[in-house]
């Protein structure tokens, strides 16, 4: 994860998209800044599981997206901003 943070800092990346899939395989994402990425690298990032089809009912909706650092790459088609992408796995908070 330290390598990713170094790349993001050295290339002056504006945003990093955290990608994950719902139970039906539809891609979902959450966008974070560098400071949020540093926190997400350690603790994961909160996701509302009730907004993902087939994942969790509303009363048990808190989920944590844990980053998979091997999947980090830059998104080449963005010209207006420098954007990276990393995949994440969803877990229950406990």
PDB file of N, CA and C in Angstrom:
ATOM      1  N   UNK A   1       0.819  -1.189   0.000  1.00  0.00           N
ATOM      2  CA  UNK A   1       0.000   0.000   0.000  1.00  0.00           C
ATOM      3  C   UNK A   1       0.862   1.252   0.000  1.00  0.00           C
ATOM      4  N   UNK A   2       2.025   1.173   0.609  1.00  0.00           N
ATOM      5  CA  UNK A   2       2.933   2.329   0.618  1.00  0.00           C
ATOM      6  C   UNK A   2       3.367   2.700  -0.799  1.00  0.00           C
ATOM      7  N   UNK A   3       3.561   1.705  -1.658  1.00  0.00           N
ATOM      8  CA  UNK A   3       3.936   1.976  -3.046  1.00  0.00           C
ATOM      9  C   UNK A   3       2.837   2.755  -3.760  1.00  0.00           C
ATOM     10  N   UNK A   4       1.598   2.385  -3.505  1.00  0.00           N
ATOM     11  CA  UNK A   4       0.470   3.095  -4.121  1.00  0.00           C
ATOM     12  C   UNK A   4       0.453   4.544  -3.662  1.00  0.00           C
ATOM     13  N   UNK A   5       0.609   4.755  -2.364  1.00  0.00           N
ATOM     14  CA  UNK A   5       0.613   6.119  -1.846  1.00  0.00           C
ATOM     15  C   UNK A   5       1.761   6.925  -2.440  1.00  0.00           C
ATOM     16  N   UNK A   6       2.925   6.295  -2.621  1.00  0.00           N
ATOM     17  CA  UNK A   6       4.058   6.981  -3.255  1.00  0.00           C
ATOM     18  C   UNK A   6       3.751   7.359  -4.695  1.00  0.00           C
ATOM     19  N   UNK A   7       3.127   6.442  -5.446  1.00  0.00           N
ATOM     20  CA  UNK A   7       2.763   6.713  -6.845  1.00  0.00           C
ATOM     21  C   UNK A   7       1.767   7.863  -6.912  1.00  0.00           C
ATOM     22  N   UNK A   8       0.750   7.795  -6.059  1.00  0.00           N
ATOM     23  CA  UNK A   8      -0.292   8.822  -6.054  1.00  0.00           C
ATOM     24  C   UNK A   8       0.316  10.200  -5.755  1.00  0.00           C
ATOM     25  N   UNK A   9       1.245  10.240  -4.806  1.00  0.00           N
ATOM     26  CA  UNK A   9       1.885  11.514  -4.454  1.00  0.00           C
ATOM     27  C   UNK A   9       2.818  11.993  -5.570  1.00  0.00           C
ATOM     28  N   UNK A  10       3.640  11.101  -6.116  1.00  0.00           N
ATOM     29  CA  UNK A  10       4.621  11.514  -7.127  1.00  0.00           C
ATOM     30  C   UNK A  10       3.979  11.929  -8.445  1.00  0.00           C
ATOM     31  N   UNK A  11       2.870  11.280  -8.817  1.00  0.00           N
ATOM     32  CA  UNK A  11       2.181  11.634 -10.067  1.00  0.00           C
ATOM     33  C   UNK A  11       1.134  12.719  -9.858  1.00  0.00           C
ATOM     34  N   UNK A  12       1.000  13.179  -8.610  1.00  0.00           N
ATOM     35  CA  UNK A  12       0.045  14.235  -8.266  1.00  0.00           C
ATOM     36  C   UNK A  12      -1.375  13.867  -8.713  1.00  0.00           C
ATOM     37  N   UNK A  13      -1.785  12.659  -8.313  1.00  0.00           N
ATOM     38  CA  UNK A  13      -3.112  12.149  -8.642  1.00  0.00           C
ATOM     39  C   UNK A  13      -4.161  12.961  -7.882  1.00  0.00           C
ATOM     40  N   UNK A  14      -5.208  13.365  -8.593  1.00  0.00           N
ATOM     41  CA  UNK A  14      -6.266  14.165  -7.979  1.00  0.00           C
ATOM     42  C   UNK A  14      -7.236  13.319  -7.163  1.00  0.00           C
ATOM     43  N   UNK A  15      -7.629  12.178  -7.709  1.00  0.00           N
ATOM     44  CA  UNK A  15      -8.616  11.311  -7.073  1.00  0.00           C
ATOM     45  C   UNK A  15      -8.247   9.853  -7.306  1.00  0.00           C
ATOM     46  N   UNK A  16      -8.752   8.995  -6.430  1.00  0.00           N
ATOM     47  CA  UNK A  16      -8.644   7.556  -6.626  1.00  0.00           C
ATOM     48  C   UNK A  16     -10.051   6.986  -6.514  1.00  0.00           C
ATOM     49  N   UNK A  17     -10.427   6.208  -7.511  1.00  0.00           N
ATOM     50  CA  UNK A  17     -11.720   5.538  -7.490  1.00  0.00           C
ATOM     51  C   UNK A  17     -11.534   4.164  -6.855  1.00  0.00           C
ATOM     52  N   UNK A  18     -12.370   3.868  -5.878  1.00  0.00           N
ATOM     53  CA  UNK A  18     -12.372   2.552  -5.247  1.00  0.00           C
ATOM     54  C   UNK A  18     -13.533   1.783  -5.859  1.00  0.00           C
ATOM     55  N   UNK A  19     -13.214   0.699  -6.568  1.00  0.00           N
ATOM     56  CA  UNK A  19     -14.216  -0.073  -7.294  1.00  0.00           C
ATOM     57  C   UNK A  19     -14.537  -1.361  -6.544  1.00  0.00           C
ATOM     58  N   UNK A  20     -15.818  -1.723  -6.538  1.00  0.00           N
ATOM     59  CA  UNK A  20     -16.276  -2.990  -5.984  1.00  0.00           C
ATOM     60  C   UNK A  20     -17.565  -3.363  -6.696  1.00  0.00           C
ATOM     61  N   UNK A  21     -17.980  -4.609  -6.561  1.00  0.00           N
ATOM     62  CA  UNK A  21     -19.178  -5.093  -7.265  1.00  0.00           C
ATOM     63  C   UNK A  21     -20.260  -5.479  -6.269  1.00  0.00           C
ATOM     64  N   UNK A  22     -21.522  -5.320  -6.711  1.00  0.00           N
ATOM     65  CA  UNK A  22     -22.622  -5.838  -5.909  1.00  0.00           C
ATOM     66  C   UNK A  22     -22.767  -7.332  -6.200  1.00  0.00           C
ATOM     67  N   UNK A  23     -23.734  -7.965  -5.590  1.00  0.00           N
ATOM     68  CA  UNK A  23     -23.883  -9.422  -5.708  1.00  0.00           C
ATOM     69  C   UNK A  23     -24.218  -9.868  -7.136  1.00  0.00           C
ATOM     70  N   UNK A  24     -24.780  -8.952  -7.936  1.00  0.00           N
ATOM     71  CA  UNK A  24     -25.109  -9.276  -9.320  1.00  0.00           C
ATOM     72  C   UNK A  24     -23.964  -8.966 -10.291  1.00  0.00           C
ATOM     73  N   UNK A  25     -22.858  -8.460  -9.756  1.00  0.00           N
ATOM     74  CA  UNK A  25     -21.694  -8.177 -10.586  1.00  0.00           C
ATOM     75  C   UNK A  25     -21.662  -6.785 -11.186  1.00  0.00           C
ATOM     76  N   UNK A  26     -22.579  -5.906 -10.760  1.00  0.00           N
ATOM     77  CA  UNK A  26     -22.567  -4.538 -11.267  1.00  0.00           C
ATOM     78  C   UNK A  26     -21.494  -3.734 -10.541  1.00  0.00           C
ATOM     79  N   UNK A  27     -20.694  -3.035 -11.312  1.00  0.00           N
ATOM     80  CA  UNK A  27     -19.596  -2.255 -10.767  1.00  0.00           C
ATOM     81  C   UNK A  27     -20.116  -1.024 -10.039  1.00  0.00           C
ATOM     82  N   UNK A  28     -19.609  -0.810  -8.851  1.00  0.00           N
ATOM     83  CA  UNK A  28     -19.914   0.366  -8.038  1.00  0.00           C
ATOM     84  C   UNK A  28     -18.587   1.024  -7.693  1.00  0.00           C
ATOM     85  N   UNK A  29     -18.635   2.303  -7.343  1.00  0.00           N
ATOM     86  CA  UNK A  29     -17.379   2.958  -6.982  1.00  0.00           C
ATOM     87  C   UNK A  29     -17.611   4.059  -5.970  1.00  0.00           C
ATOM     88  N   UNK A  30     -16.525   4.408  -5.337  1.00  0.00           N
ATOM     89  CA  UNK A  30     -16.502   5.523  -4.404  1.00  0.00           C
ATOM     90  C   UNK A  30     -15.201   6.266  -4.678  1.00  0.00           C
ATOM     91  N   UNK A  31     -15.267   7.574  -4.750  1.00  0.00           N
ATOM     92  CA  UNK A  31     -14.106   8.386  -5.083  1.00  0.00           C
ATOM     93  C   UNK A  31     -13.537   8.998  -3.810  1.00  0.00           C
ATOM     94  N   UNK A  32     -12.197   8.925  -3.666  1.00  0.00           N
ATOM     95  CA  UNK A  32     -11.540   9.495  -2.490  1.00  0.00           C
ATOM     96  C   UNK A  32     -10.373  10.376  -2.914  1.00  0.00           C
ATOM     97  N   UNK A  33     -10.011  11.290  -2.035  1.00  0.00           N
ATOM     98  CA  UNK A  33      -8.831  12.134  -2.231  1.00  0.00           C
ATOM     99  C   UNK A  33      -7.628  11.434  -1.611  1.00  0.00           C
ATOM    100  N   UNK A  34      -6.459  12.032  -1.737  1.00  0.00           N
ATOM    101  CA  UNK A  34      -5.240  11.432  -1.201  1.00  0.00           C
ATOM    102  C   UNK A  34      -5.336  11.240   0.310  1.00  0.00           C
ATOM    103  N   UNK A  35      -5.813  12.240   1.029  1.00  0.00           N
ATOM    104  CA  UNK A  35      -5.894  12.100   2.488  1.00  0.00           C
ATOM    105  C   UNK A  35      -6.875  10.997   2.883  1.00  0.00           C
ATOM    106  N   UNK A  36      -7.972  10.867   2.157  1.00  0.00           N
ATOM    107  CA  UNK A  36      -8.929   9.797   2.432  1.00  0.00           C
ATOM    108  C   UNK A  36      -8.354   8.435   2.053  1.00  0.00           C
ATOM    109  N   UNK A  37      -7.529   8.398   1.013  1.00  0.00           N
ATOM    110  CA  UNK A  37      -6.910   7.145   0.587  1.00  0.00           C
ATOM    111  C   UNK A  37      -5.967   6.620   1.661  1.00  0.00           C
ATOM    112  N   UNK A  38      -5.225   7.507   2.294  1.00  0.00           N
ATOM    113  CA  UNK A  38      -4.306   7.088   3.355  1.00  0.00           C
ATOM    114  C   UNK A  38      -5.077   6.421   4.496  1.00  0.00           C
ATOM    115  N   UNK A  39      -6.206   6.987   4.869  1.00  0.00           N
ATOM    116  CA  UNK A  39      -7.043   6.407   5.925  1.00  0.00           C
ATOM    117  C   UNK A  39      -7.663   5.096   5.456  1.00  0.00           C
ATOM    118  N   UNK A  40      -8.136   5.071   4.205  1.00  0.00           N
ATOM    119  CA  UNK A  40      -8.771   3.869   3.654  1.00  0.00           C
ATOM    120  C   UNK A  40      -7.778   2.713   3.550  1.00  0.00           C
ATOM    121  N   UNK A  41      -6.513   3.031   3.309  1.00  0.00           N
ATOM    122  CA  UNK A  41      -5.491   1.995   3.204  1.00  0.00           C
ATOM    123  C   UNK A  41      -5.353   1.228   4.516  1.00  0.00           C
ATOM    124  N   UNK A  42      -5.520   1.919   5.625  1.00  0.00           N
ATOM    125  CA  UNK A  42      -5.383   1.275   6.929  1.00  0.00           C
ATOM    126  C   UNK A  42      -6.689   0.678   7.435  1.00  0.00           C
ATOM    127  N   UNK A  43      -7.760   1.463   7.366  1.00  0.00           N
ATOM    128  CA  UNK A  43      -9.010   1.085   8.016  1.00  0.00           C
ATOM    129  C   UNK A  43     -10.093   0.602   7.066  1.00  0.00           C
ATOM    130  N   UNK A  44      -9.877   0.744   5.760  1.00  0.00           N
ATOM    131  CA  UNK A  44     -10.946   0.495   4.807  1.00  0.00           C
ATOM    132  C   UNK A  44     -11.823   1.733   4.731  1.00  0.00           C
ATOM    133  N   UNK A  45     -12.863   1.652   3.929  1.00  0.00           N
ATOM    134  CA  UNK A  45     -13.754   2.798   3.772  1.00  0.00           C
ATOM    135  C   UNK A  45     -15.190   2.325   3.927  1.00  0.00           C
ATOM    136  N   UNK A  46     -15.993   3.124   4.594  1.00  0.00           N
ATOM    137  CA  UNK A  46     -17.373   2.744   4.851  1.00  0.00           C
ATOM    138  C   UNK A  46     -18.220   2.754   3.592  1.00  0.00           C
ATOM    139  N   UNK A  47     -19.069   1.750   3.470  1.00  0.00           N
ATOM    140  CA  UNK A  47     -19.973   1.620   2.332  1.00  0.00           C
ATOM    141  C   UNK A  47     -21.358   1.289   2.882  1.00  0.00           C
ATOM    142  N   UNK A  48     -22.383   1.890   2.309  1.00  0.00           N
ATOM    143  CA  UNK A  48     -23.759   1.591   2.686  1.00  0.00           C
ATOM    144  C   UNK A  48     -24.208   0.339   1.945  1.00  0.00           C
ATOM    145  N   UNK A  49     -24.149  -0.794   2.615  1.00  0.00           N
ATOM    146  CA  UNK A  49     -24.497  -2.071   1.992  1.00  0.00           C
ATOM    147  C   UNK A  49     -25.939  -2.161   1.534  1.00  0.00           C
ATOM    148  N   UNK A  50     -26.841  -1.355   2.142  1.00  0.00           N
ATOM    149  CA  UNK A  50     -28.247  -1.410   1.727  1.00  0.00           C
ATOM    150  C   UNK A  50     -28.446  -0.792   0.350  1.00  0.00           C
ATOM    151  N   UNK A  51     -27.487   0.006  -0.112  1.00  0.00           N
ATOM    152  CA  UNK A  51     -27.604   0.597  -1.445  1.00  0.00           C
ATOM    153  C   UNK A  51     -27.110  -0.348  -2.537  1.00  0.00           C
ATOM    154  N   UNK A  52     -26.548  -1.473  -2.148  1.00  0.00           N
ATOM    155  CA  UNK A  52     -26.054  -2.466  -3.103  1.00  0.00           C
ATOM    156  C   UNK A  52     -27.064  -3.591  -3.213  1.00  0.00           C
ATOM    157  N   UNK A  53     -27.558  -3.801  -4.402  1.00  0.00           N
ATOM    158  CA  UNK A  53     -28.612  -4.792  -4.604  1.00  0.00           C
ATOM    159  C   UNK A  53     -28.184  -6.170  -4.128  1.00  0.00           C
ATOM    160  N   UNK A  54     -29.009  -6.753  -3.256  1.00  0.00           N
ATOM    161  CA  UNK A  54     -28.789  -8.118  -2.802  1.00  0.00           C
ATOM    162  C   UNK A  54     -27.712  -8.294  -1.760  1.00  0.00           C
ATOM    163  N   UNK A  55     -27.159  -7.212  -1.211  1.00  0.00           N
ATOM    164  CA  UNK A  55     -26.061  -7.362  -0.265  1.00  0.00           C
ATOM    165  C   UNK A  55     -26.551  -7.389   1.173  1.00  0.00           C
ATOM    166  N   UNK A  56     -27.182  -6.318   1.637  1.00  0.00           N
ATOM    167  CA  UNK A  56     -27.576  -6.219   3.038  1.00  0.00           C
ATOM    168  C   UNK A  56     -28.915  -5.518   3.179  1.00  0.00           C
ATOM    169  N   UNK A  57     -29.729  -5.906   4.164  1.00  0.00           N
ATOM    170  CA  UNK A  57     -30.942  -5.143   4.454  1.00  0.00           C
ATOM    171  C   UNK A  57     -30.577  -3.827   5.130  1.00  0.00           C
ATOM    172  N   UNK A  58     -31.497  -2.875   5.143  1.00  0.00           N
ATOM    173  CA  UNK A  58     -31.237  -1.543   5.680  1.00  0.00           C
ATOM    174  C   UNK A  58     -30.787  -1.594   7.135  1.00  0.00           C
ATOM    175  N   UNK A  59     -31.368  -2.458   7.952  1.00  0.00           N
ATOM    176  CA  UNK A  59     -31.030  -2.467   9.377  1.00  0.00           C
ATOM    177  C   UNK A  59     -29.628  -3.019   9.663  1.00  0.00           C
ATOM    178  N   UNK A  60     -28.986  -3.641   8.701  1.00  0.00           N
ATOM    179  CA  UNK A  60     -27.622  -4.148   8.887  1.00  0.00           C
ATOM    180  C   UNK A  60     -26.759  -3.709   7.714  1.00  0.00           C
ATOM    181  N   UNK A  61     -26.803  -2.427   7.420  1.00  0.00           N
ATOM    182  CA  UNK A  61     -26.254  -1.974   6.146  1.00  0.00           C
ATOM    183  C   UNK A  61     -24.790  -1.550   6.161  1.00  0.00           C
ATOM    184  N   UNK A  62     -24.172  -1.404   7.309  1.00  0.00           N
ATOM    185  CA  UNK A  62     -22.784  -0.939   7.330  1.00  0.00           C
ATOM    186  C   UNK A  62     -21.850  -2.013   6.791  1.00  0.00           C
ATOM    187  N   UNK A  63     -21.022  -1.616   5.834  1.00  0.00           N
ATOM    188  CA  UNK A  63     -20.023  -2.509   5.256  1.00  0.00           C
ATOM    189  C   UNK A  63     -18.698  -1.745   5.207  1.00  0.00           C
ATOM    190  N   UNK A  64     -17.594  -2.477   5.066  1.00  0.00           N
ATOM    191  CA  UNK A  64     -16.277  -1.871   4.938  1.00  0.00           C
ATOM    192  C   UNK A  64     -15.639  -2.391   3.657  1.00  0.00           C
ATOM    193  N   UNK A  65     -15.170  -1.467   2.819  1.00  0.00           N
ATOM    194  CA  UNK A  65     -14.443  -1.834   1.603  1.00  0.00           C
ATOM    195  C   UNK A  65     -12.948  -1.832   1.932  1.00  0.00           C
ATOM    196  N   UNK A  66     -12.314  -2.992   1.816  1.00  0.00           N
ATOM    197  CA  UNK A  66     -10.878  -3.118   2.068  1.00  0.00           C
ATOM    198  C   UNK A  66     -10.158  -3.165   0.721  1.00  0.00           C
ATOM    199  N   UNK A  67      -9.191  -2.288   0.563  1.00  0.00           N
ATOM    200  CA  UNK A  67      -8.501  -2.137  -0.716  1.00  0.00           C
ATOM    201  C   UNK A  67      -7.604  -3.328  -1.016  1.00  0.00           C
ATOM    202  N   UNK A  68      -7.523  -3.683  -2.296  1.00  0.00           N
ATOM    203  CA  UNK A  68      -6.618  -4.717  -2.785  1.00  0.00           C
ATOM    204  C   UNK A  68      -5.504  -4.017  -3.552  1.00  0.00           C
ATOM    205  N   UNK A  69      -4.373  -3.727  -2.912  1.00  0.00           N
ATOM    206  CA  UNK A  69      -3.347  -2.880  -3.516  1.00  0.00           C
ATOM    207  C   UNK A  69      -2.765  -3.406  -4.825  1.00  0.00           C
ATOM    208  N   UNK A  70      -2.828  -4.700  -5.053  1.00  0.00           N
ATOM    209  CA  UNK A  70      -2.290  -5.277  -6.289  1.00  0.00           C
ATOM    210  C   UNK A  70      -3.052  -4.774  -7.514  1.00  0.00           C
ATOM    211  N   UNK A  71      -4.286  -4.342  -7.330  1.00  0.00           N
ATOM    212  CA  UNK A  71      -5.137  -3.943  -8.458  1.00  0.00           C
ATOM    213  C   UNK A  71      -5.023  -2.463  -8.818  1.00  0.00           C
ATOM    214  N   UNK A  72      -4.166  -1.720  -8.154  1.00  0.00           N
ATOM    215  CA  UNK A  72      -4.059  -0.286  -8.433  1.00  0.00           C
ATOM    216  C   UNK A  72      -3.501  -0.030  -9.833  1.00  0.00           C
ATOM    217  N   UNK A  73      -4.103   0.924 -10.520  1.00  0.00           N
ATOM    218  CA  UNK A  73      -3.601   1.388 -11.812  1.00  0.00           C
ATOM    219  C   UNK A  73      -4.122   2.793 -12.060  1.00  0.00           C
ATOM    220  N   UNK A  74      -3.496   3.476 -12.974  1.00  0.00           N
ATOM    221  CA  UNK A  74      -3.977   4.789 -13.384  1.00  0.00           C
ATOM    222  C   UNK A  74      -5.038   4.603 -14.457  1.00  0.00           C
ATOM    223  N   UNK A  75      -6.036   5.477 -14.469  1.00  0.00           N
ATOM    224  CA  UNK A  75      -7.068   5.438 -15.498  1.00  0.00           C
ATOM    225  C   UNK A  75      -6.602   6.321 -16.646  1.00  0.00           C
ATOM    226  N   UNK A  76      -6.265   5.722 -17.793  1.00  0.00           N
ATOM    227  CA  UNK A  76      -5.636   6.484 -18.879  1.00  0.00           C
ATOM    228  C   UNK A  76      -6.575   7.378 -19.674  1.00  0.00           C
ATOM    229  N   UNK A  77      -7.869   7.126 -19.651  1.00  0.00           N
ATOM    230  CA  UNK A  77      -8.771   7.886 -20.515  1.00  0.00           C
ATOM    231  C   UNK A  77      -9.213   9.209 -19.901  1.00  0.00           C
ATOM    232  N   UNK A  78      -8.855   9.486 -18.653  1.00  0.00           N
ATOM    233  CA  UNK A  78      -9.203  10.767 -18.042  1.00  0.00           C
ATOM    234  C   UNK A  78      -8.146  11.795 -18.418  1.00  0.00           C
ATOM    235  N   UNK A  79      -8.548  12.870 -19.075  1.00  0.00           N
ATOM    236  CA  UNK A  79      -7.608  13.908 -19.493  1.00  0.00           C
ATOM    237  C   UNK A  79      -7.690  15.156 -18.613  1.00  0.00           C
ATOM    238  N   UNK A  80      -8.857  15.372 -17.980  1.00  0.00           N
ATOM    239  CA  UNK A  80      -9.046  16.578 -17.185  1.00  0.00           C
ATOM    240  C   UNK A  80      -8.442  16.471 -15.787  1.00  0.00           C
ATOM    241  N   UNK A  81      -8.375  15.261 -15.244  1.00  0.00           N
ATOM    242  CA  UNK A  81      -7.800  15.008 -13.927  1.00  0.00           C
ATOM    243  C   UNK A  81      -6.944  13.758 -13.996  1.00  0.00           C
ATOM    244  N   UNK A  82      -5.993  13.641 -13.062  1.00  0.00           N
ATOM    245  CA  UNK A  82      -5.237  12.404 -12.919  1.00  0.00           C
ATOM    246  C   UNK A  82      -5.988  11.543 -11.914  1.00  0.00           C
ATOM    247  N   UNK A  83      -6.419  10.368 -12.380  1.00  0.00           N
ATOM    248  CA  UNK A  83      -7.265   9.500 -11.565  1.00  0.00           C
ATOM    249  C   UNK A  83      -6.669   8.098 -11.520  1.00  0.00           C
ATOM    250  N   UNK A  84      -6.612   7.535 -10.318  1.00  0.00           N
ATOM    251  CA  UNK A  84      -6.193   6.156 -10.140  1.00  0.00           C
ATOM    252  C   UNK A  84      -7.404   5.295  -9.821  1.00  0.00           C
ATOM    253  N   UNK A  85      -7.213   3.984  -9.859  1.00  0.00           N
ATOM    254  CA  UNK A  85      -8.286   3.035  -9.566  1.00  0.00           C
ATOM    255  C   UNK A  85      -7.714   1.880  -8.770  1.00  0.00           C
ATOM    256  N   UNK A  86      -8.465   1.450  -7.758  1.00  0.00           N
ATOM    257  CA  UNK A  86      -8.094   0.268  -6.986  1.00  0.00           C
ATOM    258  C   UNK A  86      -9.371  -0.505  -6.671  1.00  0.00           C
ATOM    259  N   UNK A  87      -9.307  -1.818  -6.775  1.00  0.00           N
ATOM    260  CA  UNK A  87     -10.443  -2.668  -6.457  1.00  0.00           C
ATOM    261  C   UNK A  87     -10.492  -2.890  -4.946  1.00  0.00           C
ATOM    262  N   UNK A  88     -11.679  -3.224  -4.453  1.00  0.00           N
ATOM    263  CA  UNK A  88     -11.851  -3.472  -3.024  1.00  0.00           C
ATOM    264  C   UNK A  88     -12.788  -4.653  -2.814  1.00  0.00           C
ATOM    265  N   UNK A  89     -12.624  -5.289  -1.680  1.00  0.00           N
ATOM    266  CA  UNK A  89     -13.512  -6.378  -1.245  1.00  0.00           C
ATOM    267  C   UNK A  89     -14.384  -5.833  -0.122  1.00  0.00           C
ATOM    268  N   UNK A  90     -15.647  -6.259  -0.073  1.00  0.00           N
ATOM    269  CA  UNK A  90     -16.569  -5.787   0.964  1.00  0.00           C
ATOM    270  C   UNK A  90     -16.616  -6.783   2.121  1.00  0.00           C
ATOM    271  N   UNK A  91     -16.598  -6.224   3.332  1.00  0.00           N
ATOM    272  CA  UNK A  91     -16.647  -7.018   4.556  1.00  0.00           C
ATOM    273  C   UNK A  91     -17.643  -6.411   5.526  1.00  0.00           C
ATOM    274  N   UNK A  92     -18.089  -7.228   6.473  1.00  0.00           N
ATOM    275  CA  UNK A  92     -18.854  -6.703   7.598  1.00  0.00           C
ATOM    276  C   UNK A  92     -17.867  -5.984   8.511  1.00  0.00           C
ATOM    277  N   UNK A  93     -18.264  -4.946   9.204  1.00  0.00           N
ATOM    278  CA  UNK A  93     -17.313  -4.174  10.019  1.00  0.00           C
ATOM    279  C   UNK A  93     -16.637  -4.964  11.123  1.00  0.00           C
ATOM    280  N   UNK A  94     -17.279  -5.992  11.637  1.00  0.00           N
ATOM    281  CA  UNK A  94     -16.661  -6.754  12.728  1.00  0.00           C
ATOM    282  C   UNK A  94     -16.006  -8.012  12.207  1.00  0.00           C
TER     283      UNK A  94
END
